[in-house]
Amino acid sequence: MRLLIVGRNAGDVAEASRIAAGRGARVRHVPDFETALEELRAGRGADLLLVELGIDVARVIAALRRERIFLPVVAYGVDAEPAEAAAAIKAGAIEFLPFPPDADAIAALLEGVSGDPGEFVASDPKMREVLELARVYARSDASVLLIGESGTGKERLARFLHEHSPRASGPFVSVNCAAIPDSLLESELFGHEKGAFTGAVARRVGKFEEANGGTLLLDEISEMDVRLQAKLLRAIQEREIDRLGGSGPIRVDIRLIATTNRAIEEEVAAGRFREDLYFRLSVLVLEIPPLRERPGDIRVLAEHFARRFARANGLPHRPFTERALAKLRGHVWRGNVRELENVVHRAVLLARGQSIDEEAILLRAPGMGREERTAGSVGPTTSTLVGRSVAEVERELILDTLRHTLGNRTRAAHLLGISIRTLRNKLREYAEAGIPIPPALQG
């Protein structure tokens, strides 16, 4: 996790840097956004930009968009007014972080942005076998293809491969091929020169160069356009790339890992994925079984998430009752580990007493978009919902969850089971409609 902090509050920045570094982040600090932009253009990339509230957050985000830099922004400040925090969120920051920095709040932020729980937890024999094979593969420099359903932990396994490889001291750079439009992905991967296209106001180094000496993860590579696949194939074969508008090739030294949640051989047969690229990527293959096929992991993962979310929310760790564990084991888990993580996060916040019982375990009914609730479970009953619009109920749930998490956007998104981008868009809609948004003034 690469964190770039922008601001002049030296004392608090130094403390935040110390906390983040202690959580495994690589931290850099610059005094102003102009310097930060120069760093990003030059290929000294980041996974998260932490920007002091005194800097115009709207200008920062507008500049990143112009430069085609896809980077989450979090605003921070000391003794900020609620209106200032709300304005930063409305401008496009994914969250506001109050300073002086709090260790648990920073840990939750880093984890929420990176999706990295810090360690790979596995107990089931099927998953232990995958990890043992991953340790062997980590020693190689060959390309690895990770195959598995959404939410099974492919990115975490990619990080595991990097951390156990000879390249562990180098950068780990991730690109989500499904999240970036085809028209922008080429520049994101290979970079561009000034004037290469309208809006290219300066040279920009791409992800291949950022990852030089380390590992490049191409997440959901099967979503990549076939035309761009040809350029990627050449980069892998020749170990060199061409920036858009560039005058010559640039050598790169990377280890490539790719992931897909599709049956990629079927994509090849259908002509949607190049066969020669598939063979280049699949020198080594790891298939991650879905959670429903590794029931031995459910308890250890649930306990791991419960400890983590209790710590992040300042709550005591409480064990699961046997009834609660039985309910977890009996679920289908179509959303895999990511769904389990969200369920446990909710349970930690909703549980009462000295343990987490089955009433705090809210599960989505198989094949449906609603949650099962027992008679004594927390939440609105049917009688309180009748006559109200879906939008109204959704808004109340989102705002109540934000209040419950003391305004922490990252935790609220986890608890709601939605992406931080979806939550941010909803809050922007509410703010534009004049609806008060709970400020994130506590960790």
Protein backbone atom coordinates (compact mmCIF):
# COMPACT_ATOMS: atom_id res chain seq x y z
CA MET A 1 0.00 0.00 0.00
CA ARG A 2 1.59 3.29 -1.18
CA LEU A 3 0.36 6.37 0.67
CA LEU A 4 1.11 9.91 -0.48
CA ILE A 5 0.33 12.62 2.11
CA VAL A 6 -0.07 16.20 0.94
CA GLY A 7 0.08 19.03 3.48
CA ARG A 8 2.19 21.30 5.67
CA ASN A 9 1.12 20.21 9.17
CA ALA A 10 4.48 18.56 9.86
CA GLY A 11 3.82 17.18 13.36
CA ASP A 12 0.53 15.44 12.61
CA VAL A 13 1.78 14.26 9.21
CA ALA A 14 4.83 12.70 10.84
CA GLU A 15 2.61 10.86 13.34
CA ALA A 16 0.23 9.67 10.59
CA SER A 17 3.24 8.51 8.56
CA ARG A 18 4.58 6.57 11.54
CA ILE A 19 1.22 4.85 12.12
CA ALA A 20 0.70 4.01 8.44
CA ALA A 21 4.26 2.70 8.06
CA GLY A 22 3.69 0.51 11.11
CA ARG A 23 0.72 -1.00 9.23
CA GLY A 24 2.92 -1.88 6.27
CA ALA A 25 2.28 1.18 4.09
CA ARG A 26 5.02 2.90 2.10
CA VAL A 27 4.57 6.56 2.94
CA ARG A 28 5.77 9.69 1.19
CA HIS A 29 5.02 13.30 2.17
CA VAL A 30 5.00 16.41 -0.02
CA PRO A 31 4.02 19.96 1.03
CA ASP A 32 1.63 20.83 -1.80
CA PHE A 33 -0.46 19.31 -4.58
CA GLU A 34 1.76 20.65 -7.39
CA THR A 35 4.64 18.58 -6.02
CA ALA A 36 2.33 15.58 -5.59
CA LEU A 37 1.24 15.85 -9.22
CA GLU A 38 4.86 15.92 -10.37
CA GLU A 39 5.51 12.76 -8.34
CA LEU A 40 2.54 10.97 -9.88
CA ARG A 41 3.39 12.03 -13.43
CA ALA A 42 6.95 10.78 -12.97
CA GLY A 43 5.79 7.29 -12.05
CA ARG A 44 6.36 7.55 -8.31
CA GLY A 45 2.82 6.28 -7.88
CA ALA A 46 0.45 5.93 -4.94
CA ASP A 47 -2.60 3.87 -4.03
CA LEU A 48 -4.11 6.59 -1.83
CA LEU A 49 -3.77 10.38 -1.68
CA LEU A 50 -4.28 11.97 1.75
CA VAL A 51 -4.89 15.71 1.26
CA GLU A 52 -4.96 18.44 3.91
CA LEU A 53 -8.32 20.18 4.12
CA GLY A 54 -6.71 23.58 3.55
CA ILE A 55 -5.89 22.48 0.01
CA ASP A 56 -8.78 22.79 -2.44
CA VAL A 57 -10.01 19.19 -2.64
CA ALA A 58 -12.27 19.92 -5.63
CA ARG A 59 -9.27 21.30 -7.55
CA VAL A 60 -7.20 18.26 -6.65
CA ILE A 61 -9.82 15.83 -7.91
CA ALA A 62 -10.44 17.86 -11.10
CA ALA A 63 -6.69 17.87 -11.82
CA LEU A 64 -6.43 14.10 -11.30
CA ARG A 65 -9.30 13.55 -13.72
CA ARG A 66 -7.69 15.77 -16.34
CA GLU A 67 -4.46 13.82 -15.98
CA ARG A 68 -6.35 10.51 -16.16
CA ILE A 69 -4.95 9.49 -12.78
CA PHE A 70 -7.27 7.03 -11.06
CA LEU A 71 -6.54 7.49 -7.38
CA PRO A 72 -8.80 7.65 -4.29
CA VAL A 73 -8.53 10.90 -2.31
CA VAL A 74 -9.12 11.27 1.43
CA ALA A 75 -9.25 14.70 3.06
CA TYR A 76 -7.85 15.30 6.55
CA GLY A 77 -7.81 18.19 8.98
CA VAL A 78 -7.55 19.32 12.59
CA ASP A 79 -10.67 20.67 14.38
CA ALA A 80 -12.57 20.79 11.09
CA GLU A 81 -16.10 22.16 10.92
CA PRO A 82 -18.78 19.66 9.82
CA ALA A 83 -19.50 21.80 6.76
CA GLU A 84 -15.83 21.60 5.68
CA ALA A 85 -15.80 17.81 5.95
CA ALA A 86 -19.12 17.55 4.06
CA ALA A 87 -17.80 19.86 1.32
CA ALA A 88 -14.74 17.65 0.84
CA ILE A 89 -16.93 14.56 0.48
CA LYS A 90 -19.24 16.39 -1.92
CA ALA A 91 -16.21 17.41 -4.01
CA GLY A 92 -15.28 13.76 -4.48
CA ALA A 93 -13.13 12.72 -1.50
CA ILE A 94 -14.06 9.19 -0.46
CA GLU A 95 -13.74 10.05 3.22
CA PHE A 96 -12.71 12.67 5.76
CA LEU A 97 -10.11 11.67 8.36
CA PRO A 98 -9.91 13.77 11.54
CA PHE A 99 -6.49 14.73 12.90
CA PRO A 100 -4.63 14.33 15.26
CA PRO A 101 -4.35 10.89 13.65
CA ASP A 102 -5.87 7.83 15.33
CA ALA A 103 -4.14 4.49 14.78
CA ASP A 104 -7.32 2.41 14.40
CA ALA A 105 -8.90 4.94 12.02
CA ILE A 106 -5.82 4.95 9.79
CA ALA A 107 -5.64 1.14 9.85
CA ALA A 108 -9.31 0.90 8.83
CA LEU A 109 -8.76 3.46 6.08
CA LEU A 110 -5.74 1.68 4.60
CA GLU A 111 -7.50 -1.65 4.71
CA GLY A 112 -10.72 -0.27 3.26
CA VAL A 113 -8.93 1.29 0.29
CA SER A 114 -6.55 -1.57 -0.45
CA GLY A 115 -8.96 -4.39 0.39
CA ASP A 116 -5.99 -6.04 2.06
CA PRO A 117 -6.70 -7.69 5.45
CA GLY A 118 -2.98 -7.95 6.18
CA GLU A 119 -2.65 -11.73 6.34
CA PHE A 120 -4.04 -14.66 4.39
CA VAL A 121 -6.27 -16.63 6.74
CA ALA A 122 -6.96 -20.22 5.73
CA SER A 123 -7.70 -23.47 7.54
CA ASP A 124 -9.56 -25.61 5.01
CA PRO A 125 -7.33 -28.24 3.33
CA LYS A 126 -8.30 -27.01 -0.16
CA MET A 127 -7.13 -23.48 0.60
CA ARG A 128 -4.03 -24.63 2.45
CA GLU A 129 -3.07 -26.57 -0.69
CA VAL A 130 -3.48 -23.40 -2.80
CA LEU A 131 -1.25 -21.45 -0.39
CA GLU A 132 1.46 -24.10 -0.42
CA LEU A 133 1.49 -24.01 -4.21
CA ALA A 134 1.54 -20.20 -4.11
CA ARG A 135 4.68 -20.28 -1.93
CA VAL A 136 6.39 -22.41 -4.58
CA TYR A 137 5.21 -20.16 -7.42
CA ALA A 138 6.32 -17.05 -5.54
CA ARG A 139 9.97 -18.01 -5.98
CA SER A 140 9.58 -17.92 -9.77
CA ASP A 141 9.49 -14.86 -12.01
CA ALA A 142 6.99 -16.47 -14.41
CA SER A 143 3.55 -14.96 -15.03
CA VAL A 144 0.73 -16.25 -12.83
CA LEU A 145 -2.99 -16.44 -13.69
CA LEU A 146 -5.36 -16.47 -10.70
CA ILE A 147 -8.82 -17.85 -11.44
CA GLY A 148 -11.77 -17.61 -9.07
CA GLU A 149 -15.21 -16.19 -8.48
CA SER A 150 -15.64 -12.58 -7.36
CA GLY A 151 -14.89 -12.15 -3.68
CA THR A 152 -12.72 -15.25 -3.26
CA GLY A 153 -9.56 -13.27 -2.48
CA LYS A 154 -7.67 -13.15 -5.77
CA GLU A 155 -6.04 -9.77 -5.11
CA ARG A 156 -5.00 -10.84 -1.63
CA LEU A 157 -3.41 -13.97 -3.08
CA ALA A 158 -1.59 -11.80 -5.64
CA ARG A 159 -0.18 -9.74 -2.76
CA PHE A 160 0.80 -12.97 -1.00
CA LEU A 161 2.76 -14.04 -4.11
CA HIS A 162 4.52 -10.67 -4.23
CA GLU A 163 5.32 -10.61 -0.50
CA HIS A 164 6.90 -14.09 -0.67
CA SER A 165 8.87 -13.40 -3.86
CA PRO A 166 12.40 -12.06 -4.44
CA ARG A 167 10.65 -8.86 -5.61
CA ALA A 168 9.01 -8.22 -2.21
CA SER A 169 11.08 -5.08 -1.63
CA GLY A 170 9.88 -3.65 -4.94
CA PRO A 171 6.51 -2.02 -5.72
CA PHE A 172 3.22 -3.90 -5.97
CA VAL A 173 1.01 -2.07 -8.47
CA SER A 174 -2.59 -3.08 -9.17
CA VAL A 175 -4.81 -2.09 -12.11
CA ASN A 176 -8.49 -3.03 -12.25
CA CYS A 177 -9.11 -3.58 -15.96
CA ALA A 178 -12.87 -3.72 -15.42
CA ALA A 179 -13.06 -0.37 -13.64
CA ILE A 180 -11.24 1.79 -16.23
CA PRO A 181 -12.86 2.61 -19.61
CA ASP A 182 -11.15 1.04 -22.63
CA SER A 183 -10.33 4.50 -23.99
CA LEU A 184 -8.30 5.31 -20.86
CA LEU A 185 -6.79 1.93 -19.97
CA GLU A 186 -4.01 2.10 -22.56
CA SER A 187 -2.69 5.37 -21.13
CA GLU A 188 -3.07 4.01 -17.59
CA LEU A 189 -0.93 0.98 -18.39
CA PHE A 190 1.68 2.41 -20.75
CA GLY A 191 1.69 6.14 -19.97
CA HIS A 192 1.78 9.03 -22.42
CA GLU A 193 3.89 11.96 -23.57
CA LYS A 194 2.80 15.58 -23.45
CA GLY A 195 0.47 16.34 -26.36
CA ALA A 196 -0.24 12.66 -27.14
CA PHE A 197 -3.98 13.43 -27.04
CA THR A 198 -6.32 16.23 -26.04
CA GLY A 199 -5.79 16.89 -22.33
CA ALA A 200 -2.29 15.38 -22.17
CA VAL A 201 -0.72 18.50 -20.67
CA ALA A 202 2.36 16.70 -19.33
CA ARG A 203 4.24 13.42 -19.58
CA ARG A 204 2.65 10.67 -17.49
CA VAL A 205 4.37 7.42 -16.55
CA GLY A 206 2.10 4.35 -16.74
CA LYS A 207 1.63 1.40 -14.40
CA PHE A 208 4.18 -0.79 -16.19
CA GLU A 209 6.92 1.72 -15.39
CA GLU A 210 5.56 2.31 -11.86
CA ALA A 211 5.89 -1.43 -11.21
CA ASN A 212 9.47 -1.63 -12.51
CA GLY A 213 11.48 -3.92 -10.25
CA GLY A 214 8.31 -5.27 -8.64
CA THR A 215 4.97 -6.87 -9.47
CA LEU A 216 2.14 -5.66 -11.71
CA LEU A 217 -1.34 -7.06 -11.06
CA LEU A 218 -3.85 -6.88 -13.90
CA ASP A 219 -7.14 -7.50 -12.12
CA GLU A 220 -10.04 -8.93 -14.16
CA ILE A 221 -7.91 -9.07 -17.31
CA SER A 222 -10.64 -10.88 -19.26
CA GLU A 223 -12.51 -7.53 -19.40
CA MET A 224 -9.73 -5.98 -21.50
CA ASP A 225 -10.48 -4.97 -25.09
CA VAL A 226 -8.99 -7.35 -27.70
CA ARG A 227 -7.11 -4.50 -29.44
CA LEU A 228 -5.31 -3.60 -26.21
CA GLN A 229 -4.58 -7.27 -25.56
CA ALA A 230 -2.26 -7.22 -28.61
CA LYS A 231 -0.20 -4.36 -27.16
CA LEU A 232 -0.08 -6.10 -23.77
CA LEU A 233 1.16 -9.30 -25.41
CA ARG A 234 4.04 -7.42 -27.03
CA ALA A 235 4.96 -5.79 -23.71
CA ILE A 236 5.12 -9.20 -22.02
CA GLN A 237 7.11 -10.82 -24.83
CA GLU A 238 9.60 -8.03 -25.38
CA ARG A 239 9.73 -6.70 -21.80
CA GLU A 240 9.36 -3.21 -23.16
CA ILE A 241 6.52 -0.73 -23.59
CA ASP A 242 5.74 2.31 -25.74
CA ARG A 243 4.16 5.37 -24.19
CA LEU A 244 1.35 6.97 -26.19
CA GLY A 245 3.04 9.61 -28.34
CA GLY A 246 6.47 8.27 -27.41
CA SER A 247 9.48 8.12 -29.71
CA GLY A 248 10.85 4.72 -28.73
CA PRO A 249 10.48 1.63 -26.53
CA ILE A 250 11.18 1.66 -22.78
CA ARG A 251 12.57 -1.43 -21.03
CA VAL A 252 10.64 -2.68 -18.01
CA ASP A 253 11.44 -5.35 -15.43
CA ILE A 254 8.24 -6.67 -13.86
CA ARG A 255 6.60 -9.87 -12.67
CA LEU A 256 3.06 -10.07 -14.06
CA ILE A 257 0.05 -11.51 -12.23
CA ALA A 258 -3.41 -11.51 -13.79
CA THR A 259 -6.82 -12.44 -12.38
CA THR A 260 -10.15 -13.38 -13.89
CA ASN A 261 -13.55 -14.47 -12.60
CA ARG A 262 -14.56 -15.85 -16.00
CA ALA A 263 -14.07 -19.24 -17.64
CA ILE A 264 -11.21 -17.81 -19.68
CA GLU A 265 -10.82 -20.80 -22.01
CA GLU A 266 -14.42 -20.19 -23.10
CA GLU A 267 -13.54 -16.53 -23.69
CA VAL A 268 -10.65 -17.69 -25.90
CA ALA A 269 -12.93 -20.06 -27.83
CA ALA A 270 -15.44 -17.25 -28.36
CA GLY A 271 -12.74 -14.93 -29.73
CA ARG A 272 -13.05 -12.45 -26.85
CA PHE A 273 -9.59 -13.22 -25.48
CA ARG A 274 -6.42 -13.81 -27.47
CA GLU A 275 -5.16 -17.38 -27.28
CA ASP A 276 -1.50 -16.34 -27.49
CA LEU A 277 -1.96 -13.91 -24.59
CA TYR A 278 -3.71 -16.60 -22.57
CA PHE A 279 -0.75 -18.93 -23.01
CA ARG A 280 1.68 -16.15 -22.02
CA LEU A 281 -0.29 -15.39 -18.84
CA SER A 282 -0.98 -18.97 -17.77
CA VAL A 283 2.57 -20.22 -17.33
CA LEU A 284 1.51 -20.80 -13.72
CA VAL A 285 -2.16 -21.08 -12.74
CA LEU A 286 -3.82 -20.98 -9.33
CA GLU A 287 -7.54 -21.66 -8.95
CA ILE A 288 -9.13 -20.33 -5.78
CA PRO A 289 -12.12 -22.41 -4.67
CA PRO A 290 -15.32 -20.55 -3.70
CA LEU A 291 -16.07 -20.28 0.01
CA ARG A 292 -18.93 -22.81 -0.22
CA GLU A 293 -16.34 -25.43 -1.26
CA ARG A 294 -14.02 -24.72 1.67
CA PRO A 295 -16.30 -24.73 4.75
CA GLY A 296 -13.31 -25.20 7.02
CA ASP A 297 -12.41 -21.55 6.40
CA ILE A 298 -15.73 -20.06 7.54
CA ARG A 299 -15.06 -20.09 11.28
CA VAL A 300 -11.45 -18.90 11.13
CA LEU A 301 -12.32 -16.12 8.68
CA ALA A 302 -15.33 -15.02 10.73
CA GLU A 303 -13.27 -14.86 13.92
CA HIS A 304 -10.48 -13.01 12.09
CA PHE A 305 -12.91 -10.40 10.73
CA ALA A 306 -14.68 -10.07 14.11
CA ARG A 307 -11.41 -9.29 15.90
CA ARG A 308 -10.41 -6.80 13.22
CA PHE A 309 -13.71 -4.92 13.12
CA ALA A 310 -14.02 -4.86 16.89
CA ARG A 311 -10.58 -3.28 17.13
CA ALA A 312 -11.32 -0.79 14.36
CA ASN A 313 -14.57 0.31 16.03
CA GLY A 314 -13.19 0.49 19.58
CA LEU A 315 -15.31 -2.46 20.73
CA PRO A 316 -14.34 -5.49 22.85
CA HIS A 317 -13.78 -8.73 21.00
CA ARG A 318 -16.77 -11.04 21.44
CA PRO A 319 -16.87 -14.70 20.40
CA PHE A 320 -19.55 -16.20 18.16
CA THR A 321 -22.12 -18.50 19.75
CA GLU A 322 -22.46 -21.99 18.30
CA ARG A 323 -25.86 -21.03 16.89
CA ALA A 324 -24.29 -18.06 15.11
CA LEU A 325 -21.53 -20.24 13.67
CA ALA A 326 -24.10 -22.80 12.53
CA LYS A 327 -25.99 -20.05 10.72
CA LEU A 328 -22.80 -18.94 8.98
CA ARG A 329 -21.94 -22.52 7.97
CA GLY A 330 -25.41 -23.05 6.54
CA HIS A 331 -25.27 -20.06 4.18
CA VAL A 332 -24.55 -20.40 0.43
CA TRP A 333 -22.02 -17.49 0.28
CA ARG A 334 -22.52 -16.51 -3.34
CA GLY A 335 -20.44 -13.39 -2.60
CA ASN A 336 -17.68 -15.56 -1.09
CA VAL A 337 -15.20 -14.11 1.43
CA ARG A 338 -16.21 -10.54 0.65
CA GLU A 339 -19.82 -11.33 1.60
CA LEU A 340 -18.71 -13.05 4.81
CA GLU A 341 -16.60 -10.02 5.69
CA ASN A 342 -19.60 -7.69 5.29
CA VAL A 343 -21.86 -9.98 7.32
CA VAL A 344 -19.37 -10.15 10.18
CA HIS A 345 -18.84 -6.37 10.09
CA ARG A 346 -22.58 -5.86 10.53
CA ALA A 347 -22.71 -8.47 13.28
CA VAL A 348 -19.90 -6.82 15.27
CA LEU A 349 -21.82 -3.53 15.29
CA LEU A 350 -25.26 -5.01 15.89
CA ALA A 351 -24.39 -7.59 18.55
CA ARG A 352 -25.45 -7.01 22.14
CA GLY A 353 -24.12 -8.70 25.25
CA GLN A 354 -20.94 -10.71 25.70
CA SER A 355 -21.10 -12.70 22.47
CA ILE A 356 -22.25 -12.50 18.84
CA ASP A 357 -25.42 -14.57 18.54
CA GLU A 358 -27.45 -15.63 15.53
CA GLU A 359 -29.77 -12.61 15.74
CA ALA A 360 -26.85 -10.35 14.79
CA ILE A 361 -26.12 -12.46 11.70
CA LEU A 362 -28.09 -10.87 8.85
CA LEU A 363 -27.86 -12.93 5.67
CA ARG A 364 -29.15 -12.36 2.19
CA ALA A 365 -31.69 -14.96 1.19
CA PRO A 366 -30.39 -17.20 -1.63
CA GLY A 367 -31.20 -15.70 -5.01
CA MET A 368 -32.70 -12.55 -3.50
CA GLY A 369 -31.49 -9.05 -2.76
CA ARG A 370 -32.95 -8.82 0.72
CA GLU A 371 -31.69 -9.90 4.11
CA GLU A 372 -33.21 -12.66 6.21
CA ARG A 373 -34.25 -11.46 9.65
CA THR A 374 -35.33 -13.44 12.66
CA ALA A 375 -38.16 -12.28 14.89
CA GLY A 376 -35.78 -10.74 17.39
CA SER A 377 -33.28 -9.31 14.96
CA VAL A 378 -32.30 -5.69 14.73
CA GLY A 379 -33.85 -3.50 12.06
CA PRO A 380 -37.16 -2.26 10.70
CA THR A 381 -40.19 -4.54 10.57
CA THR A 382 -42.54 -4.84 7.63
CA SER A 383 -45.11 -2.63 9.32
CA THR A 384 -42.63 0.24 9.56
CA LEU A 385 -41.73 -0.03 5.87
CA VAL A 386 -45.16 -0.27 4.24
CA GLY A 387 -46.16 2.95 2.49
CA ARG A 388 -42.60 4.25 2.15
CA SER A 389 -40.61 4.39 -1.08
CA VAL A 390 -37.56 2.21 -1.66
CA ALA A 391 -35.42 5.35 -2.08
CA GLU A 392 -36.60 6.70 1.29
CA VAL A 393 -35.86 3.44 3.13
CA GLU A 394 -32.46 3.19 1.40
CA ARG A 395 -31.56 6.75 2.37
CA GLU A 396 -32.52 6.17 5.99
CA LEU A 397 -30.47 2.97 6.14
CA ILE A 398 -27.40 4.64 4.64
CA LEU A 399 -27.56 7.67 6.95
CA ASP A 400 -28.26 5.52 10.04
CA THR A 401 -25.25 3.35 9.16
CA LEU A 402 -23.06 6.44 8.81
CA ARG A 403 -24.15 7.64 12.24
CA HIS A 404 -23.46 4.20 13.65
CA THR A 405 -19.90 4.27 12.27
CA LEU A 406 -19.36 7.81 13.52
CA GLY A 407 -19.32 9.09 9.94
CA ASN A 408 -16.57 6.76 8.70
CA ARG A 409 -17.32 6.22 5.00
CA THR A 410 -15.07 3.21 4.54
CA ARG A 411 -16.60 1.30 7.45
CA ALA A 412 -20.13 2.29 6.42
CA ALA A 413 -19.57 0.95 2.89
CA HIS A 414 -18.27 -2.35 4.30
CA LEU A 415 -21.25 -2.59 6.65
CA LEU A 416 -23.77 -1.84 3.91
CA GLY A 417 -22.13 -4.26 1.50
CA ILE A 418 -21.64 -1.62 -1.21
CA SER A 419 -18.58 -0.04 -2.79
CA ILE A 420 -17.17 3.21 -1.45
CA ARG A 421 -17.88 4.74 -4.89
CA THR A 422 -21.59 3.84 -4.64
CA LEU A 423 -21.79 5.27 -1.12
CA ARG A 424 -20.04 8.46 -2.22
CA ASN A 425 -22.47 8.91 -5.13
CA LYS A 426 -25.45 8.43 -2.83
CA LEU A 427 -24.12 10.98 -0.33
CA ARG A 428 -23.50 13.46 -3.12
CA GLU A 429 -27.15 13.05 -4.21
CA TYR A 430 -28.37 13.63 -0.67
CA ALA A 431 -26.13 16.68 -0.18
CA GLU A 432 -27.36 18.22 -3.44
CA ALA A 433 -30.94 17.69 -2.23
CA GLY A 434 -30.14 19.58 0.97
CA ILE A 435 -30.22 16.51 3.24
CA PRO A 436 -27.73 16.79 6.15
CA ILE A 437 -24.89 14.28 5.91
CA PRO A 438 -23.25 13.00 9.14
CA PRO A 439 -19.70 14.43 9.16
CA ALA A 440 -16.74 12.09 9.63
CA LEU A 441 -15.26 13.83 12.63
CA GLN A 442 -14.25 10.74 14.58
CA GLY A 443 -12.26 7.62 13.67
